[in-house]
Amino acid sequence: MTHLAADLFFLFRRDLRCLIREVELFPDDVTLWHTMPGIANSAGNVALHVAGNLQHFMGVVLGGTGYVRQREREFAQREGSRASVAADLEAAVAAVEAGLAAQTEASLAAPFPVPMGGHRISTRRCLLHLEAHLAFHLGQAGYLRRALTGDSASAGGMAIQDLAEP
């Protein structure tokens, strides 16, 4: 694994584990699927979307896993357990590791194997985008949980001390 891939894995794993904690902080399985006026997707949907996105682009495209994405389900599902959603996110951690382990300096500089939104971008830039996409949805899930429950507890994500070198 290249230095960049190792750093990215650190961030992906940190943020996915934080999203798992967000899911687990919901008071029950039902509330995970609630939204508010003006909000289209529940935290459950956002978490499923992140898990599916990473298992597809990192696992299948870069790592050669056999995952089959069901993107419509990511947004259509309206119930399920917090444990099941957390398991999907744990599977995404493994997919990210598989995809990043396969990277070399040459592959990072090469175009991502499939077009993204109809555009060709480097694998390096695509990986940075995928991490930013995860962080964006992590923030959405946390904000929605706080708004729905009135619970201001932090899931502990994005702490600068987590970035300290050992």
N, C-alpha and C. Protein backbone atom coordinates (compact mmCIF):
# COMPACT_ATOMS: atom_id res chain seq x y z
N MET A 1 0.86 -1.17 0.00
CA MET A 1 0.00 0.00 0.00
C MET A 1 0.91 1.23 0.00
N THR A 2 0.61 2.18 -0.87
CA THR A 2 1.39 3.40 -0.94
C THR A 2 1.16 4.25 0.31
N HIS A 3 2.01 5.26 0.50
CA HIS A 3 1.83 6.16 1.65
C HIS A 3 0.49 6.88 1.58
N LEU A 4 0.13 7.35 0.38
CA LEU A 4 -1.16 8.02 0.24
C LEU A 4 -2.30 7.05 0.55
N ALA A 5 -2.23 5.84 0.04
CA ALA A 5 -3.29 4.86 0.29
C ALA A 5 -3.39 4.55 1.79
N ALA A 6 -2.26 4.45 2.47
CA ALA A 6 -2.28 4.18 3.91
C ALA A 6 -2.92 5.34 4.66
N ASP A 7 -2.59 6.57 4.29
CA ASP A 7 -3.20 7.74 4.94
C ASP A 7 -4.71 7.79 4.66
N LEU A 8 -5.09 7.49 3.43
CA LEU A 8 -6.51 7.49 3.10
C LEU A 8 -7.24 6.39 3.87
N PHE A 9 -6.63 5.22 4.00
CA PHE A 9 -7.28 4.15 4.75
C PHE A 9 -7.51 4.58 6.20
N PHE A 10 -6.53 5.25 6.78
CA PHE A 10 -6.67 5.77 8.14
C PHE A 10 -7.91 6.66 8.24
N LEU A 11 -8.07 7.58 7.27
CA LEU A 11 -9.21 8.51 7.30
C LEU A 11 -10.54 7.80 7.04
N PHE A 12 -10.56 6.93 6.03
CA PHE A 12 -11.79 6.19 5.73
C PHE A 12 -12.23 5.37 6.95
N ARG A 13 -11.28 4.65 7.55
CA ARG A 13 -11.61 3.81 8.70
C ARG A 13 -12.11 4.67 9.86
N ARG A 14 -11.42 5.78 10.14
CA ARG A 14 -11.84 6.68 11.21
C ARG A 14 -13.26 7.17 10.98
N ASP A 15 -13.55 7.64 9.77
CA ASP A 15 -14.86 8.23 9.49
C ASP A 15 -15.96 7.18 9.41
N LEU A 16 -15.66 5.99 8.89
CA LEU A 16 -16.66 4.92 8.88
C LEU A 16 -16.98 4.46 10.29
N ARG A 17 -15.97 4.34 11.14
CA ARG A 17 -16.22 3.94 12.53
C ARG A 17 -17.02 5.03 13.26
N CYS A 18 -16.79 6.28 12.92
CA CYS A 18 -17.57 7.37 13.52
C CYS A 18 -19.02 7.30 13.04
N LEU A 19 -19.23 6.98 11.78
CA LEU A 19 -20.59 6.84 11.26
C LEU A 19 -21.30 5.67 11.94
N ILE A 20 -20.56 4.61 12.21
CA ILE A 20 -21.15 3.49 12.96
C ILE A 20 -21.58 3.97 14.34
N ARG A 21 -20.75 4.75 15.01
CA ARG A 21 -21.12 5.28 16.33
C ARG A 21 -22.35 6.19 16.22
N GLU A 22 -22.44 6.99 15.16
CA GLU A 22 -23.63 7.83 14.96
C GLU A 22 -24.88 6.95 14.88
N VAL A 23 -24.81 5.90 14.07
CA VAL A 23 -25.94 4.98 13.92
C VAL A 23 -26.30 4.38 15.28
N GLU A 24 -25.30 3.97 16.03
CA GLU A 24 -25.54 3.34 17.34
C GLU A 24 -26.07 4.33 18.36
N LEU A 25 -25.81 5.63 18.20
CA LEU A 25 -26.31 6.64 19.14
C LEU A 25 -27.80 6.94 18.97
N PHE A 26 -28.40 6.49 17.87
CA PHE A 26 -29.85 6.66 17.74
C PHE A 26 -30.51 5.86 18.85
N PRO A 27 -31.58 6.39 19.46
CA PRO A 27 -32.16 5.73 20.62
C PRO A 27 -32.81 4.38 20.32
N ASP A 28 -33.19 4.16 19.06
CA ASP A 28 -33.81 2.89 18.68
C ASP A 28 -33.73 2.75 17.16
N ASP A 29 -34.10 1.58 16.69
CA ASP A 29 -34.03 1.30 15.25
C ASP A 29 -35.00 2.17 14.45
N VAL A 30 -36.15 2.45 14.99
CA VAL A 30 -37.18 3.21 14.28
C VAL A 30 -36.72 4.64 13.99
N THR A 31 -36.12 5.30 14.98
CA THR A 31 -35.71 6.70 14.82
C THR A 31 -34.62 6.85 13.77
N LEU A 32 -33.83 5.82 13.55
CA LEU A 32 -32.77 5.85 12.52
C LEU A 32 -33.35 6.17 11.14
N TRP A 33 -34.61 5.84 10.92
CA TRP A 33 -35.24 6.00 9.60
C TRP A 33 -36.14 7.23 9.52
N HIS A 34 -36.16 8.05 10.56
CA HIS A 34 -36.97 9.27 10.56
C HIS A 34 -36.22 10.41 9.85
N THR A 35 -36.99 11.33 9.31
CA THR A 35 -36.44 12.56 8.74
C THR A 35 -37.20 13.74 9.32
N MET A 36 -36.89 14.90 8.82
CA MET A 36 -37.57 16.12 9.24
C MET A 36 -38.06 16.83 7.98
N PRO A 37 -38.97 17.78 8.12
CA PRO A 37 -39.41 18.53 6.94
C PRO A 37 -38.20 19.12 6.19
N GLY A 38 -38.20 18.93 4.89
CA GLY A 38 -37.13 19.45 4.06
C GLY A 38 -35.93 18.53 3.94
N ILE A 39 -35.93 17.41 4.66
CA ILE A 39 -34.84 16.44 4.63
C ILE A 39 -35.36 15.18 3.95
N ALA A 40 -34.77 14.83 2.82
CA ALA A 40 -35.27 13.69 2.04
C ALA A 40 -34.80 12.34 2.57
N ASN A 41 -33.58 12.27 3.09
CA ASN A 41 -33.01 10.98 3.45
C ASN A 41 -32.76 10.88 4.95
N SER A 42 -33.12 9.75 5.51
CA SER A 42 -32.86 9.49 6.92
C SER A 42 -31.38 9.18 7.10
N ALA A 43 -30.93 9.16 8.35
CA ALA A 43 -29.56 8.76 8.64
C ALA A 43 -29.33 7.31 8.23
N GLY A 44 -30.36 6.48 8.34
CA GLY A 44 -30.25 5.10 7.88
C GLY A 44 -29.97 5.04 6.38
N ASN A 45 -30.70 5.84 5.61
CA ASN A 45 -30.48 5.89 4.16
C ASN A 45 -29.10 6.42 3.81
N VAL A 46 -28.67 7.46 4.51
CA VAL A 46 -27.36 8.04 4.26
C VAL A 46 -26.26 7.02 4.55
N ALA A 47 -26.40 6.29 5.66
CA ALA A 47 -25.40 5.28 6.01
C ALA A 47 -25.38 4.14 5.00
N LEU A 48 -26.55 3.68 4.57
CA LEU A 48 -26.60 2.63 3.54
C LEU A 48 -25.97 3.12 2.24
N HIS A 49 -26.23 4.37 1.90
CA HIS A 49 -25.66 4.95 0.68
C HIS A 49 -24.13 4.98 0.75
N VAL A 50 -23.59 5.41 1.86
CA VAL A 50 -22.13 5.44 2.04
C VAL A 50 -21.56 4.03 1.92
N ALA A 51 -22.19 3.09 2.61
CA ALA A 51 -21.70 1.70 2.58
C ALA A 51 -21.75 1.14 1.16
N GLY A 52 -22.84 1.37 0.45
CA GLY A 52 -22.96 0.86 -0.91
C GLY A 52 -21.98 1.53 -1.87
N ASN A 53 -21.84 2.84 -1.73
CA ASN A 53 -20.93 3.60 -2.58
C ASN A 53 -19.50 3.08 -2.43
N LEU A 54 -19.04 2.93 -1.19
CA LEU A 54 -17.66 2.50 -0.97
C LEU A 54 -17.45 1.03 -1.31
N GLN A 55 -18.44 0.20 -1.01
CA GLN A 55 -18.29 -1.22 -1.39
C GLN A 55 -18.25 -1.38 -2.90
N HIS A 56 -18.94 -0.49 -3.61
CA HIS A 56 -18.89 -0.57 -5.07
C HIS A 56 -17.58 0.00 -5.62
N PHE A 57 -17.34 1.28 -5.37
CA PHE A 57 -16.18 1.93 -6.01
C PHE A 57 -14.84 1.45 -5.46
N MET A 58 -14.76 1.24 -4.16
CA MET A 58 -13.49 0.79 -3.58
C MET A 58 -13.36 -0.73 -3.64
N GLY A 59 -14.43 -1.43 -3.28
CA GLY A 59 -14.38 -2.89 -3.24
C GLY A 59 -14.41 -3.53 -4.61
N VAL A 60 -15.44 -3.23 -5.38
CA VAL A 60 -15.61 -3.87 -6.69
C VAL A 60 -14.63 -3.31 -7.72
N VAL A 61 -14.67 -2.00 -7.91
CA VAL A 61 -13.89 -1.40 -8.99
C VAL A 61 -12.39 -1.51 -8.74
N LEU A 62 -11.95 -1.20 -7.52
CA LEU A 62 -10.51 -1.21 -7.24
C LEU A 62 -10.01 -2.51 -6.61
N GLY A 63 -10.85 -3.17 -5.82
CA GLY A 63 -10.40 -4.34 -5.08
C GLY A 63 -10.85 -5.67 -5.64
N GLY A 64 -11.74 -5.65 -6.61
CA GLY A 64 -12.18 -6.90 -7.24
C GLY A 64 -13.07 -7.76 -6.36
N THR A 65 -13.77 -7.17 -5.38
CA THR A 65 -14.67 -7.95 -4.55
C THR A 65 -15.92 -8.29 -5.36
N GLY A 66 -16.74 -9.15 -4.83
CA GLY A 66 -17.94 -9.59 -5.55
C GLY A 66 -19.21 -8.87 -5.14
N TYR A 67 -19.08 -7.75 -4.45
CA TYR A 67 -20.25 -7.01 -3.98
C TYR A 67 -21.13 -6.59 -5.16
N VAL A 68 -22.44 -6.70 -4.98
CA VAL A 68 -23.40 -6.24 -5.98
C VAL A 68 -24.21 -5.11 -5.35
N ARG A 69 -24.04 -3.92 -5.89
CA ARG A 69 -24.69 -2.74 -5.32
C ARG A 69 -26.17 -2.70 -5.68
N GLN A 70 -26.97 -2.29 -4.70
CA GLN A 70 -28.40 -2.06 -4.89
C GLN A 70 -28.69 -0.61 -4.51
N ARG A 71 -28.28 0.30 -5.38
CA ARG A 71 -28.35 1.74 -5.07
C ARG A 71 -29.78 2.20 -4.75
N GLU A 72 -30.76 1.66 -5.46
CA GLU A 72 -32.14 2.07 -5.20
C GLU A 72 -32.54 1.73 -3.76
N ARG A 73 -32.10 0.58 -3.25
CA ARG A 73 -32.41 0.17 -1.88
C ARG A 73 -31.80 1.15 -0.87
N GLU A 74 -30.62 1.67 -1.18
CA GLU A 74 -29.96 2.59 -0.26
C GLU A 74 -30.86 3.76 0.11
N PHE A 75 -31.66 4.20 -0.85
CA PHE A 75 -32.52 5.36 -0.63
C PHE A 75 -33.98 4.99 -0.37
N ALA A 76 -34.39 3.78 -0.74
CA ALA A 76 -35.79 3.39 -0.60
C ALA A 76 -36.09 2.69 0.73
N GLN A 77 -35.10 2.09 1.35
CA GLN A 77 -35.35 1.36 2.59
C GLN A 77 -35.88 2.30 3.67
N ARG A 78 -36.85 1.85 4.42
CA ARG A 78 -37.47 2.69 5.44
C ARG A 78 -37.47 2.06 6.83
N GLU A 79 -36.85 0.90 6.95
CA GLU A 79 -36.75 0.26 8.25
C GLU A 79 -35.58 -0.72 8.24
N GLY A 80 -35.17 -1.09 9.42
CA GLY A 80 -34.06 -2.02 9.58
C GLY A 80 -33.36 -1.72 10.89
N SER A 81 -32.54 -2.64 11.31
CA SER A 81 -31.89 -2.48 12.61
C SER A 81 -30.61 -1.65 12.50
N ARG A 82 -30.29 -0.99 13.59
CA ARG A 82 -29.02 -0.27 13.67
C ARG A 82 -27.86 -1.24 13.49
N ALA A 83 -28.00 -2.45 14.04
CA ALA A 83 -26.93 -3.46 13.92
C ALA A 83 -26.70 -3.85 12.47
N SER A 84 -27.75 -3.97 11.69
CA SER A 84 -27.61 -4.33 10.27
C SER A 84 -26.92 -3.21 9.49
N VAL A 85 -27.29 -1.97 9.76
CA VAL A 85 -26.66 -0.84 9.08
C VAL A 85 -25.19 -0.75 9.48
N ALA A 86 -24.90 -0.95 10.76
CA ALA A 86 -23.51 -0.94 11.23
C ALA A 86 -22.70 -2.05 10.55
N ALA A 87 -23.31 -3.21 10.35
CA ALA A 87 -22.61 -4.32 9.67
C ALA A 87 -22.29 -3.95 8.23
N ASP A 88 -23.20 -3.24 7.56
CA ASP A 88 -22.92 -2.78 6.19
C ASP A 88 -21.75 -1.81 6.18
N LEU A 89 -21.68 -0.96 7.18
CA LEU A 89 -20.57 0.00 7.27
C LEU A 89 -19.25 -0.71 7.59
N GLU A 90 -19.29 -1.74 8.41
CA GLU A 90 -18.08 -2.54 8.68
C GLU A 90 -17.61 -3.22 7.41
N ALA A 91 -18.55 -3.71 6.60
CA ALA A 91 -18.19 -4.32 5.31
C ALA A 91 -17.53 -3.28 4.41
N ALA A 92 -17.96 -2.04 4.51
CA ALA A 92 -17.35 -0.97 3.72
C ALA A 92 -15.90 -0.75 4.14
N VAL A 93 -15.59 -0.87 5.44
CA VAL A 93 -14.21 -0.75 5.90
C VAL A 93 -13.34 -1.78 5.20
N ALA A 94 -13.82 -3.02 5.14
CA ALA A 94 -13.08 -4.10 4.47
C ALA A 94 -12.92 -3.83 2.98
N ALA A 95 -13.96 -3.30 2.35
CA ALA A 95 -13.90 -2.99 0.93
C ALA A 95 -12.90 -1.88 0.64
N VAL A 96 -12.87 -0.88 1.50
CA VAL A 96 -11.91 0.22 1.35
C VAL A 96 -10.49 -0.32 1.47
N GLU A 97 -10.27 -1.17 2.44
CA GLU A 97 -8.94 -1.75 2.62
C GLU A 97 -8.53 -2.57 1.40
N ALA A 98 -9.46 -3.36 0.85
CA ALA A 98 -9.15 -4.16 -0.35
C ALA A 98 -8.81 -3.26 -1.53
N GLY A 99 -9.58 -2.20 -1.72
CA GLY A 99 -9.33 -1.30 -2.84
C GLY A 99 -8.03 -0.54 -2.71
N LEU A 100 -7.72 -0.08 -1.51
CA LEU A 100 -6.50 0.69 -1.31
C LEU A 100 -5.26 -0.20 -1.34
N ALA A 101 -5.38 -1.42 -0.88
CA ALA A 101 -4.24 -2.34 -0.87
C ALA A 101 -3.76 -2.63 -2.29
N ALA A 102 -4.64 -2.53 -3.26
CA ALA A 102 -4.30 -2.84 -4.65
C ALA A 102 -3.62 -1.67 -5.36
N GLN A 103 -3.49 -0.52 -4.69
CA GLN A 103 -2.99 0.67 -5.38
C GLN A 103 -1.46 0.77 -5.36
N THR A 104 -0.96 1.26 -6.48
CA THR A 104 0.46 1.58 -6.64
C THR A 104 0.54 3.06 -7.01
N GLU A 105 1.74 3.59 -7.03
CA GLU A 105 1.89 4.99 -7.46
C GLU A 105 1.35 5.16 -8.89
N ALA A 106 1.61 4.18 -9.74
CA ALA A 106 1.14 4.26 -11.13
C ALA A 106 -0.38 4.21 -11.21
N SER A 107 -1.00 3.33 -10.44
CA SER A 107 -2.46 3.22 -10.52
C SER A 107 -3.14 4.46 -9.93
N LEU A 108 -2.53 5.07 -8.93
CA LEU A 108 -3.09 6.30 -8.36
C LEU A 108 -3.08 7.44 -9.37
N ALA A 109 -2.05 7.49 -10.20
CA ALA A 109 -1.93 8.54 -11.20
C ALA A 109 -2.79 8.26 -12.44
N ALA A 110 -3.14 7.00 -12.65
CA ALA A 110 -3.91 6.60 -13.83
C ALA A 110 -5.38 7.01 -13.66
N PRO A 111 -6.11 7.07 -14.76
CA PRO A 111 -7.54 7.35 -14.65
C PRO A 111 -8.25 6.27 -13.82
N PHE A 112 -9.24 6.69 -13.03
CA PHE A 112 -10.06 5.73 -12.30
C PHE A 112 -10.65 4.77 -13.33
N PRO A 113 -10.72 3.47 -13.02
CA PRO A 113 -11.14 2.48 -14.03
C PRO A 113 -12.51 2.69 -14.66
N VAL A 114 -13.41 3.39 -13.98
CA VAL A 114 -14.72 3.67 -14.57
C VAL A 114 -14.97 5.18 -14.51
N PRO A 115 -15.68 5.73 -15.47
CA PRO A 115 -15.99 7.16 -15.41
C PRO A 115 -16.82 7.48 -14.17
N MET A 116 -16.60 8.64 -13.61
CA MET A 116 -17.38 9.11 -12.45
C MET A 116 -18.27 10.25 -12.94
N GLY A 117 -19.56 10.03 -12.90
CA GLY A 117 -20.48 11.06 -13.37
C GLY A 117 -20.24 11.43 -14.83
N GLY A 118 -19.78 10.46 -15.61
CA GLY A 118 -19.51 10.70 -17.02
C GLY A 118 -18.15 11.32 -17.30
N HIS A 119 -17.33 11.50 -16.26
CA HIS A 119 -16.02 12.14 -16.43
C HIS A 119 -14.90 11.20 -16.05
N ARG A 120 -13.77 11.36 -16.70
CA ARG A 120 -12.57 10.59 -16.36
C ARG A 120 -11.73 11.44 -15.42
N ILE A 121 -11.42 10.89 -14.25
CA ILE A 121 -10.56 11.57 -13.29
C ILE A 121 -9.51 10.58 -12.81
N SER A 122 -8.44 11.08 -12.26
CA SER A 122 -7.39 10.18 -11.76
C SER A 122 -7.92 9.39 -10.57
N THR A 123 -7.34 8.23 -10.37
CA THR A 123 -7.72 7.42 -9.21
C THR A 123 -7.42 8.18 -7.93
N ARG A 124 -6.30 8.87 -7.86
CA ARG A 124 -5.95 9.67 -6.68
C ARG A 124 -7.06 10.67 -6.36
N ARG A 125 -7.49 11.41 -7.35
CA ARG A 125 -8.53 12.42 -7.15
C ARG A 125 -9.86 11.76 -6.80
N CYS A 126 -10.15 10.64 -7.39
CA CYS A 126 -11.39 9.92 -7.08
C CYS A 126 -11.40 9.47 -5.63
N LEU A 127 -10.26 8.96 -5.15
CA LEU A 127 -10.17 8.51 -3.76
C LEU A 127 -10.38 9.68 -2.79
N LEU A 128 -9.80 10.82 -3.11
CA LEU A 128 -10.00 12.01 -2.28
C LEU A 128 -11.47 12.43 -2.28
N HIS A 129 -12.10 12.34 -3.44
CA HIS A 129 -13.53 12.66 -3.54
C HIS A 129 -14.36 11.69 -2.70
N LEU A 130 -14.05 10.40 -2.76
CA LEU A 130 -14.82 9.41 -2.01
C LEU A 130 -14.71 9.65 -0.50
N GLU A 131 -13.54 10.05 -0.03
CA GLU A 131 -13.38 10.36 1.40
C GLU A 131 -14.18 11.62 1.76
N ALA A 132 -14.15 12.63 0.90
CA ALA A 132 -14.92 13.85 1.17
C ALA A 132 -16.43 13.54 1.16
N HIS A 133 -16.86 12.68 0.27
CA HIS A 133 -18.26 12.25 0.18
C HIS A 133 -18.67 11.57 1.49
N LEU A 134 -17.83 10.69 1.99
CA LEU A 134 -18.09 10.02 3.26
C LEU A 134 -18.20 11.04 4.39
N ALA A 135 -17.24 11.97 4.48
CA ALA A 135 -17.25 12.95 5.55
C ALA A 135 -18.49 13.84 5.49
N PHE A 136 -18.91 14.20 4.27
CA PHE A 136 -20.12 15.01 4.10
C PHE A 136 -21.33 14.29 4.68
N HIS A 137 -21.50 13.02 4.33
CA HIS A 137 -22.66 12.26 4.81
C HIS A 137 -22.55 11.94 6.30
N LEU A 138 -21.35 11.78 6.82
CA LEU A 138 -21.17 11.60 8.26
C LEU A 138 -21.72 12.82 9.00
N GLY A 139 -21.40 14.00 8.52
CA GLY A 139 -21.92 15.22 9.13
C GLY A 139 -23.43 15.30 9.04
N GLN A 140 -23.99 14.90 7.91
CA GLN A 140 -25.45 14.92 7.77
C GLN A 140 -26.11 14.01 8.80
N ALA A 141 -25.58 12.79 8.94
CA ALA A 141 -26.17 11.83 9.87
C ALA A 141 -26.10 12.34 11.31
N GLY A 142 -24.96 12.92 11.67
CA GLY A 142 -24.82 13.44 13.02
C GLY A 142 -25.76 14.61 13.30
N TYR A 143 -25.86 15.50 12.35
CA TYR A 143 -26.73 16.66 12.53
C TYR A 143 -28.19 16.22 12.62
N LEU A 144 -28.58 15.29 11.76
CA LEU A 144 -29.96 14.81 11.77
C LEU A 144 -30.28 14.08 13.09
N ARG A 145 -29.35 13.29 13.58
CA ARG A 145 -29.57 12.60 14.86
C ARG A 145 -29.80 13.61 15.98
N ARG A 146 -28.96 14.62 16.02
CA ARG A 146 -29.10 15.64 17.07
C ARG A 146 -30.44 16.38 16.96
N ALA A 147 -30.82 16.73 15.74
CA ALA A 147 -32.07 17.45 15.52
C ALA A 147 -33.30 16.59 15.87
N LEU A 148 -33.26 15.32 15.53
CA LEU A 148 -34.39 14.44 15.81
C LEU A 148 -34.53 14.10 17.28
N THR A 149 -33.41 13.93 17.96
CA THR A 149 -33.45 13.41 19.32
C THR A 149 -33.23 14.47 20.39
N GLY A 150 -32.67 15.60 20.02
CA GLY A 150 -32.31 16.60 21.01
C GLY A 150 -31.08 16.23 21.81
N ASP A 151 -30.45 15.15 21.43
CA ASP A 151 -29.24 14.65 22.12
C ASP A 151 -28.02 15.28 21.46
N SER A 152 -27.27 16.06 22.20
CA SER A 152 -26.10 16.74 21.63
C SER A 152 -24.82 15.93 21.77
N ALA A 153 -24.92 14.68 22.21
CA ALA A 153 -23.73 13.84 22.40
C ALA A 153 -22.96 13.71 21.08
N SER A 154 -21.66 13.79 21.19
CA SER A 154 -20.81 13.65 20.02
C SER A 154 -20.46 12.18 19.79
N ALA A 155 -20.36 11.82 18.54
CA ALA A 155 -19.90 10.47 18.19
C ALA A 155 -18.37 10.42 18.18
N GLY A 156 -17.74 11.56 18.42
CA GLY A 156 -16.29 11.58 18.55
C GLY A 156 -15.52 11.62 17.25
N GLY A 157 -16.14 12.04 16.18
CA GLY A 157 -15.45 12.08 14.89
C GLY A 157 -14.67 13.35 14.68
N MET A 158 -13.71 13.27 13.80
CA MET A 158 -12.97 14.42 13.29
C MET A 158 -12.08 15.09 14.34
N ALA A 159 -11.77 14.40 15.43
CA ALA A 159 -10.89 14.98 16.44
C ALA A 159 -9.46 15.08 15.89
N ILE A 160 -8.85 16.23 16.03
CA ILE A 160 -7.52 16.45 15.49
C ILE A 160 -6.50 15.51 16.12
N GLN A 161 -6.69 15.14 17.39
CA GLN A 161 -5.74 14.23 18.01
C GLN A 161 -5.72 12.87 17.34
N ASP A 162 -6.80 12.52 16.66
CA ASP A 162 -6.84 11.24 15.93
C ASP A 162 -5.85 11.23 14.77
N LEU A 163 -5.41 12.41 14.35
CA LEU A 163 -4.47 12.50 13.22
C LEU A 163 -3.01 12.45 13.65
N ALA A 164 -2.77 12.50 14.95
CA ALA A 164 -1.39 12.52 15.45
C ALA A 164 -0.64 11.25 15.04
N GLU A 165 0.60 11.45 14.67
CA GLU A 165 1.45 10.31 14.30
C GLU A 165 1.81 9.53 15.56
N PRO A 166 1.90 8.20 15.47
CA PRO A 166 2.25 7.41 16.66
C PRO A 166 3.65 7.68 17.14
